[in-house]
C-alpha cells in the first residue's frame, strides 16, 4: 500500500509539473522582470486591464475600456496553434458596463462588476455578478444577493477556494463612516453568504478598489489609490493572514509599482505569476537625449505604450516571498 501511495504521489507531482510547463503564459525571462502580456493582441494601443485565466491557461478574459471609463466590455482570447487569437466580446457582455472579471479557483465560476439592470429596474450603481460555466460555454449572469451587494457601489470581487468572497464597496462602515471604497469579506456557510465585514487591516481612508484573494486565503492583493506609501496614482498592496489575523497591507514595491497607475492584480491558475495592469508609457523606455519630432510623437501616441492600460506579468514570488 505504501509503495502504491508513493507511486500515486509521484504521478500527481509529475503531472502537475507537466501542466505547469504547458501553460502558454510561462515566462522565459528573469523572474524579477515584468513582461508585457500578449502585445499587439491583448495589450494594444487601446485601454485593457484585468487578465484572468481558465485553469488550463488557454483562455484569458480581460476588460477593455473607452478612455475616460465611459464604457467597459469583457473580452476573451484563446491560445491556439501557439498564439493568442483575436479577442472577441464575451457572450454575456457587450451591452452594459461590465468589467473586472475574476475566475474562481474551481474554474467554473466567474465574478465581475456591472451596472446592468436587475429585472426591469435600471441600476445607477455597480454590483457584483456571477456567471457559471456550462457544457457549451458560460451561462446567464446572476446578481449576488445581499450582503455582498448593497445600495452602494461594489466594484471588484474574487473568491477563495472555500467559496468565501472578498470585494470592495463604497458602503458606510459599521460606525456609519463612508471613506470612499473599502475591502470587505463575506463567508460562505451552507451555500449562503454571511454578513459582510470590513477588513480593517487593508482598508484605510484612501480608495481601495481591486481585491484578489489567494485561493487558500493566506494573502490578499489590493489595488489602492491615495495611500501615503504609494509610489504612483494607483499601487498594488499585499496583506498576509497569519494565525487567523490579517496584517496591515504593505506596498508591493518598485518591481511592481511605478509612478504610473498600477492596479487590477490577478493570480495565475498555477499560482506562479502575478498579472496586473499598468498605464506606464513610452517615457519609461526612452532616454531624453534629443527632443521628439512630431512623427515620433505621433508614433508613440498610437503605439501600445501610449499611457492607456496594458496587462503585464511577473513571478508572484517577487512580492509574496519578499513582503
Protein backbone atom coordinates (compact mmCIF):
# COMPACT_ATOMS: atom_id res chain seq x y z
CA UNK A 1 0.00 0.00 0.00
CA UNK A 2 2.80 2.43 0.92
CA UNK A 3 4.54 1.78 -2.41
CA UNK A 4 1.27 2.37 -4.23
CA UNK A 5 0.70 5.71 -2.43
CA UNK A 6 4.23 6.81 -3.30
CA UNK A 7 3.61 5.96 -6.96
CA UNK A 8 0.35 7.92 -6.95
CA UNK A 9 2.03 10.89 -5.29
CA UNK A 10 4.85 10.81 -7.83
CA UNK A 11 2.32 10.66 -10.69
CA UNK A 12 0.44 13.69 -9.33
CA UNK A 13 3.69 15.64 -8.89
CA UNK A 14 4.91 14.86 -12.40
CA UNK A 15 1.51 15.58 -13.91
CA UNK A 16 1.27 18.92 -12.09
CA UNK A 17 4.75 19.84 -13.29
CA UNK A 18 3.85 18.93 -16.86
CA UNK A 19 0.68 21.04 -16.71
CA UNK A 20 2.62 23.97 -15.27
CA UNK A 21 5.20 23.76 -18.08
CA UNK A 22 2.44 23.55 -20.67
CA UNK A 23 0.69 26.76 -19.60
CA UNK A 24 1.01 29.17 -22.53
CA UNK A 25 1.97 32.19 -20.42
CA UNK A 26 5.07 30.57 -18.85
CA UNK A 27 7.81 33.20 -18.69
CA UNK A 28 11.25 32.58 -20.13
CA UNK A 29 12.94 35.77 -18.95
CA UNK A 30 14.21 36.66 -15.47
CA UNK A 31 11.78 36.20 -12.60
CA UNK A 32 12.16 39.79 -11.38
CA UNK A 33 11.35 41.43 -14.73
CA UNK A 34 7.89 42.41 -15.83
CA UNK A 35 6.72 41.30 -19.26
CA UNK A 36 4.07 42.90 -21.44
CA UNK A 37 1.43 40.23 -21.99
CA UNK A 38 0.06 39.47 -25.45
CA UNK A 39 1.42 42.61 -27.10
CA UNK A 40 -0.48 43.54 -30.23
CA UNK A 41 -3.31 41.11 -29.47
CA UNK A 42 -4.35 41.57 -25.85
CA UNK A 43 -2.19 44.51 -24.80
CA UNK A 44 -2.74 47.06 -27.57
CA UNK A 45 -2.97 50.84 -28.02
CA UNK A 46 -6.48 50.52 -26.53
CA UNK A 47 -7.19 50.51 -22.80
CA UNK A 48 -7.05 46.96 -21.40
CA UNK A 49 -6.99 45.74 -17.81
CA UNK A 50 -7.51 42.71 -15.58
CA UNK A 51 -6.50 39.42 -17.22
CA UNK A 52 -7.94 36.25 -15.64
CA UNK A 53 -7.40 32.69 -16.92
CA UNK A 54 -9.24 29.40 -17.14
CA UNK A 55 -7.47 26.60 -15.18
CA UNK A 56 -5.66 25.30 -18.28
CA UNK A 57 -4.35 28.80 -19.00
CA UNK A 58 -5.62 28.65 -22.58
CA UNK A 59 -8.38 31.25 -22.32
CA UNK A 60 -7.92 34.72 -20.91
CA UNK A 61 -10.73 37.11 -20.05
CA UNK A 62 -9.99 40.81 -19.68
CA UNK A 63 -11.65 44.23 -19.82
CA UNK A 64 -11.46 46.89 -22.48
CA UNK A 65 -12.47 50.44 -21.67
CA UNK A 66 -13.32 53.55 -23.62
CA UNK A 67 -10.67 56.08 -22.48
CA UNK A 68 -12.29 58.03 -19.68
CA UNK A 69 -14.06 54.88 -18.44
CA UNK A 70 -17.40 55.65 -20.07
CA UNK A 71 -17.92 52.08 -21.23
CA UNK A 72 -16.41 48.74 -20.23
CA UNK A 73 -16.61 45.39 -22.02
CA UNK A 74 -15.37 41.94 -21.05
CA UNK A 75 -13.46 40.22 -23.85
CA UNK A 76 -11.64 36.93 -24.22
CA UNK A 77 -8.88 35.34 -26.27
CA UNK A 78 -7.90 31.69 -26.71
CA UNK A 79 -4.46 30.19 -27.12
CA UNK A 80 -4.44 28.14 -30.34
CA UNK A 81 -1.65 26.96 -32.61
CA UNK A 82 0.99 28.66 -30.49
CA UNK A 83 -0.57 32.13 -30.35
CA UNK A 84 -3.41 34.10 -28.81
CA UNK A 85 -6.42 34.52 -31.09
CA UNK A 86 -8.01 37.84 -31.98
CA UNK A 87 -10.17 38.78 -28.97
CA UNK A 88 -13.94 38.54 -29.01
CA UNK A 89 -16.57 40.06 -26.74
CA UNK A 90 -17.63 37.59 -24.03
CA UNK A 91 -21.06 36.13 -24.82
CA UNK A 92 -22.57 37.65 -21.66
CA UNK A 93 -21.06 41.13 -22.16
CA UNK A 94 -21.16 44.00 -24.65
CA UNK A 95 -24.42 45.70 -23.67
CA UNK A 96 -23.78 47.17 -20.23
CA UNK A 97 -20.70 48.37 -18.41
CA UNK A 98 -19.13 45.05 -17.43
CA UNK A 99 -15.59 44.86 -16.06
CA UNK A 100 -13.05 43.20 -13.76
CA UNK A 101 -13.73 39.51 -14.45
CA UNK A 102 -12.14 37.09 -11.99
CA UNK A 103 -12.32 33.32 -12.45
CA UNK A 104 -12.65 31.42 -9.16
CA UNK A 105 -10.23 28.59 -8.23
CA UNK A 106 -12.81 25.98 -9.28
CA UNK A 107 -12.59 27.28 -12.87
CA UNK A 108 -16.37 27.05 -13.15
CA UNK A 109 -17.34 30.41 -11.66
CA UNK A 110 -16.59 33.95 -12.77
CA UNK A 111 -17.29 37.14 -10.83
CA UNK A 112 -17.45 40.57 -12.43
CA UNK A 113 -18.80 44.06 -11.77
CA UNK A 114 -21.61 45.60 -13.80
CA UNK A 115 -24.26 48.31 -13.88
CA UNK A 116 -26.68 46.03 -15.75
CA UNK A 117 -30.32 46.23 -14.65
CA UNK A 118 -31.88 43.88 -12.14
CA UNK A 119 -35.06 42.69 -13.81
CA UNK A 120 -36.79 45.81 -15.10
CA UNK A 121 -35.00 48.06 -12.62
CA UNK A 122 -32.25 50.25 -14.09
CA UNK A 123 -29.16 50.43 -11.90
CA UNK A 124 -27.20 53.57 -11.13
CA UNK A 125 -24.51 51.79 -9.15
CA UNK A 126 -22.22 48.83 -9.74
CA UNK A 127 -22.95 45.35 -8.38
CA UNK A 128 -21.13 42.02 -8.30
CA UNK A 129 -22.45 39.44 -10.74
CA UNK A 130 -21.70 35.74 -11.11
CA UNK A 131 -21.68 33.59 -14.22
CA UNK A 132 -21.22 29.81 -14.29
CA UNK A 133 -19.52 27.67 -16.90
CA UNK A 134 -21.86 25.31 -18.74
CA UNK A 135 -21.28 22.39 -21.08
CA UNK A 136 -21.33 24.77 -24.03
CA UNK A 137 -19.70 27.91 -22.62
CA UNK A 138 -20.87 30.38 -19.98
CA UNK A 139 -24.42 30.74 -18.73
CA UNK A 140 -26.57 33.72 -17.86
CA UNK A 141 -25.14 36.06 -15.21
CA UNK A 142 -26.92 36.41 -11.88
CA UNK A 143 -26.59 39.24 -9.37
CA UNK A 144 -25.22 38.20 -5.99
CA UNK A 145 -27.64 38.97 -3.15
CA UNK A 146 -27.03 40.97 -0.03
CA UNK A 147 -24.86 41.08 2.00
CA UNK A 148 -22.39 41.11 -0.90
CA UNK A 149 -24.28 43.72 -2.92
CA UNK A 150 -25.83 46.85 -1.46
CA UNK A 151 -27.35 50.18 -2.47
CA UNK A 152 -23.77 51.43 -2.89
CA UNK A 153 -21.07 50.56 -5.43
CA UNK A 154 -19.43 47.14 -5.38
CA UNK A 155 -16.54 47.35 -7.83
CA UNK A 156 -14.49 44.18 -7.60
CA UNK A 157 -14.77 40.67 -6.17
CA UNK A 158 -12.76 37.47 -6.00
CA UNK A 159 -13.47 34.08 -4.48
CA UNK A 160 -11.29 31.80 -2.37
CA UNK A 161 -11.29 28.01 -2.72
CA UNK A 162 -13.57 27.89 0.33
CA UNK A 163 -16.21 29.92 -1.51
CA UNK A 164 -15.66 32.97 0.71
CA UNK A 165 -15.90 36.23 -1.23
CA UNK A 166 -13.70 39.30 -0.87
CA UNK A 167 -14.80 42.54 -2.52
CA UNK A 168 -14.65 46.33 -2.48
CA UNK A 169 -17.60 48.55 -1.66
CA UNK A 170 -18.36 52.23 -1.05
CA UNK A 171 -20.93 51.36 1.65
CA UNK A 172 -20.57 53.01 5.06
CA UNK A 173 -18.70 51.01 7.68
CA UNK A 174 -20.23 49.72 10.91
CA UNK A 175 -19.90 53.16 12.50
CA UNK A 176 -21.66 54.91 9.62
CA UNK A 177 -18.49 56.42 8.16
CA UNK A 178 -18.05 56.36 4.40
CA UNK A 179 -14.38 56.76 3.49
CA UNK A 180 -14.60 56.07 -0.24
CA UNK A 181 -14.08 52.41 -1.07
CA UNK A 182 -13.03 49.69 1.36
CA UNK A 183 -12.38 45.95 1.34
CA UNK A 184 -14.98 43.56 2.72
CA UNK A 185 -15.25 39.80 3.14
CA UNK A 186 -18.27 37.55 3.34
CA UNK A 187 -18.03 33.91 4.45
CA UNK A 188 -19.99 31.27 2.61
CA UNK A 189 -21.70 28.90 5.05
CA UNK A 190 -24.05 26.17 3.81
CA UNK A 191 -24.40 27.92 0.48
CA UNK A 192 -25.28 31.31 2.00
CA UNK A 193 -23.14 34.42 2.29
CA UNK A 194 -22.99 35.81 5.78
CA UNK A 195 -22.70 39.41 6.98
CA UNK A 196 -20.01 41.31 5.12
CA UNK A 197 -17.21 42.52 7.38
CA UNK A 198 -14.88 45.42 6.66
CA UNK A 199 -11.25 44.27 6.56
CA UNK A 200 -9.70 46.95 8.75
CA UNK A 201 -6.13 45.73 8.18
CA UNK A 202 -6.29 46.51 4.47
CA UNK A 203 -8.89 49.30 4.39
CA UNK A 204 -7.93 52.92 5.01
CA UNK A 205 -9.26 56.42 4.35
CA UNK A 206 -7.79 56.02 0.86
CA UNK A 207 -9.58 54.32 -2.06
CA UNK A 208 -9.19 50.52 -2.03
CA UNK A 209 -10.66 49.15 -5.25
CA UNK A 210 -9.10 45.90 -6.54
CA UNK A 211 -9.33 42.81 -4.31
CA UNK A 212 -7.68 39.48 -5.16
CA UNK A 213 -7.66 36.75 -2.53
CA UNK A 214 -5.21 33.84 -2.67
CA UNK A 215 -7.08 30.53 -3.11
CA UNK A 216 -6.00 29.40 0.38
CA UNK A 217 -6.69 32.87 1.88
CA UNK A 218 -3.10 33.19 3.05
CA UNK A 219 -2.69 36.63 1.45
CA UNK A 220 -4.69 39.28 -0.35
CA UNK A 221 -3.68 41.73 -3.08
CA UNK A 222 -5.31 45.14 -3.08
CA UNK A 223 -5.18 47.90 -5.68
CA UNK A 224 -5.47 51.30 -3.97
CA UNK A 225 -5.18 55.00 -4.74
CA UNK A 226 -4.29 57.84 -2.40
CA UNK A 227 -2.33 55.93 0.22
CA UNK A 228 0.66 57.82 1.66
CA UNK A 229 3.05 54.93 0.94
CA UNK A 230 2.01 54.78 -2.72
CA UNK A 231 4.56 55.21 -5.49
CA UNK A 232 2.09 56.47 -8.08
CA UNK A 233 -1.54 57.30 -8.74
CA UNK A 234 -2.54 53.69 -8.05
CA UNK A 235 -0.50 50.93 -6.41
CA UNK A 236 -0.80 47.25 -5.54
CA UNK A 237 -0.52 46.28 -1.87
CA UNK A 238 -0.26 42.91 -0.14
CA UNK A 239 -1.53 41.71 3.24
CA UNK A 240 -0.93 38.30 4.83
CA UNK A 241 -3.18 36.28 7.09
CA UNK A 242 -1.24 34.69 9.96
CA UNK A 243 -3.00 32.53 12.55
CA UNK A 244 -6.36 33.96 11.55
CA UNK A 245 -5.26 37.59 11.75
CA UNK A 246 -4.77 39.88 8.77
CA UNK A 247 -1.64 42.02 8.86
CA UNK A 248 -1.54 45.61 7.64
CA UNK A 249 -1.25 45.84 3.86
CA UNK A 250 2.16 46.99 2.59
CA UNK A 251 3.23 48.32 -0.79
CA UNK A 252 4.23 45.53 -3.18
CA UNK A 253 7.35 47.51 -4.09
CA UNK A 254 9.01 49.16 -7.11
CA UNK A 255 9.33 45.95 -9.14
CA UNK A 256 5.53 46.07 -9.46
CA UNK A 257 4.54 49.64 -8.77
CA UNK A 258 5.72 52.75 -10.59
CA UNK A 259 4.99 56.49 -10.78
CA UNK A 260 2.13 55.50 -13.12
CA UNK A 261 -1.15 53.76 -12.28
CA UNK A 262 -0.56 50.07 -11.41
CA UNK A 263 -3.68 48.14 -10.50
CA UNK A 264 -6.08 45.23 -11.22
CA UNK A 265 -3.91 42.31 -9.97
CA UNK A 266 -4.68 38.67 -10.79
CA UNK A 267 -3.11 35.36 -9.71
CA UNK A 268 -2.40 32.85 -12.47
CA UNK A 269 -4.17 29.47 -12.10
CA UNK A 270 -0.87 27.73 -11.31
CA UNK A 271 -0.19 30.28 -8.56
CA UNK A 272 3.15 31.22 -10.10
CA UNK A 273 2.53 34.58 -11.74
CA UNK A 274 1.06 37.95 -10.95
CA UNK A 275 -0.80 39.58 -13.81
CA UNK A 276 -1.55 43.25 -13.35
CA UNK A 277 -2.40 46.39 -15.27
CA UNK A 278 -0.18 49.41 -15.70
CA UNK A 279 -0.51 52.71 -17.51
CA UNK A 280 3.25 53.23 -17.78
CA UNK A 281 4.10 54.80 -21.13
CA UNK A 282 6.91 55.18 -23.66
CA UNK A 283 8.82 57.58 -21.42
CA UNK A 284 9.88 54.58 -19.31
CA UNK A 285 11.90 53.27 -22.27
CA UNK A 286 13.11 56.47 -23.90
CA UNK A 287 16.20 58.36 -22.81
CA UNK A 288 15.64 62.08 -23.48
CA UNK A 289 18.83 62.68 -25.46
CA UNK A 290 17.05 64.82 -28.05
CA UNK A 291 13.63 66.42 -28.46
CA UNK A 292 10.96 64.26 -30.07
CA UNK A 293 9.97 65.05 -33.61
CA UNK A 294 6.28 65.27 -34.46
CA UNK A 295 6.28 61.94 -36.38
CA UNK A 296 8.00 60.25 -33.42
CA UNK A 297 5.44 61.73 -31.06
CA UNK A 298 2.51 60.50 -33.18
CA UNK A 299 4.07 57.03 -33.40
CA UNK A 300 4.30 56.83 -29.60
CA UNK A 301 0.76 58.14 -29.13
CA UNK A 302 -0.58 55.48 -31.46
CA UNK A 303 1.54 52.67 -30.04
CA UNK A 304 0.97 50.20 -27.23
CA UNK A 305 2.85 52.32 -24.68
CA UNK A 306 0.68 55.40 -25.16
CA UNK A 307 -0.30 55.64 -21.49
CA UNK A 308 -3.51 53.62 -21.62
CA UNK A 309 -3.79 50.35 -19.72
CA UNK A 310 -1.81 47.24 -20.66
CA UNK A 311 -1.51 43.87 -18.95
CA UNK A 312 1.84 42.75 -17.52
CA UNK A 313 3.12 39.70 -15.69
CA UNK A 314 5.89 38.93 -13.23
CA UNK A 315 6.77 35.98 -10.99
CA UNK A 316 4.47 36.13 -7.96
CA UNK A 317 7.37 35.18 -5.68
CA UNK A 318 8.75 38.67 -6.26
CA UNK A 319 6.11 40.09 -3.92
CA UNK A 320 4.77 37.14 -1.93
CA UNK A 321 8.15 35.97 -0.62
CA UNK A 322 9.71 39.41 -0.33
CA UNK A 323 6.98 41.03 1.76
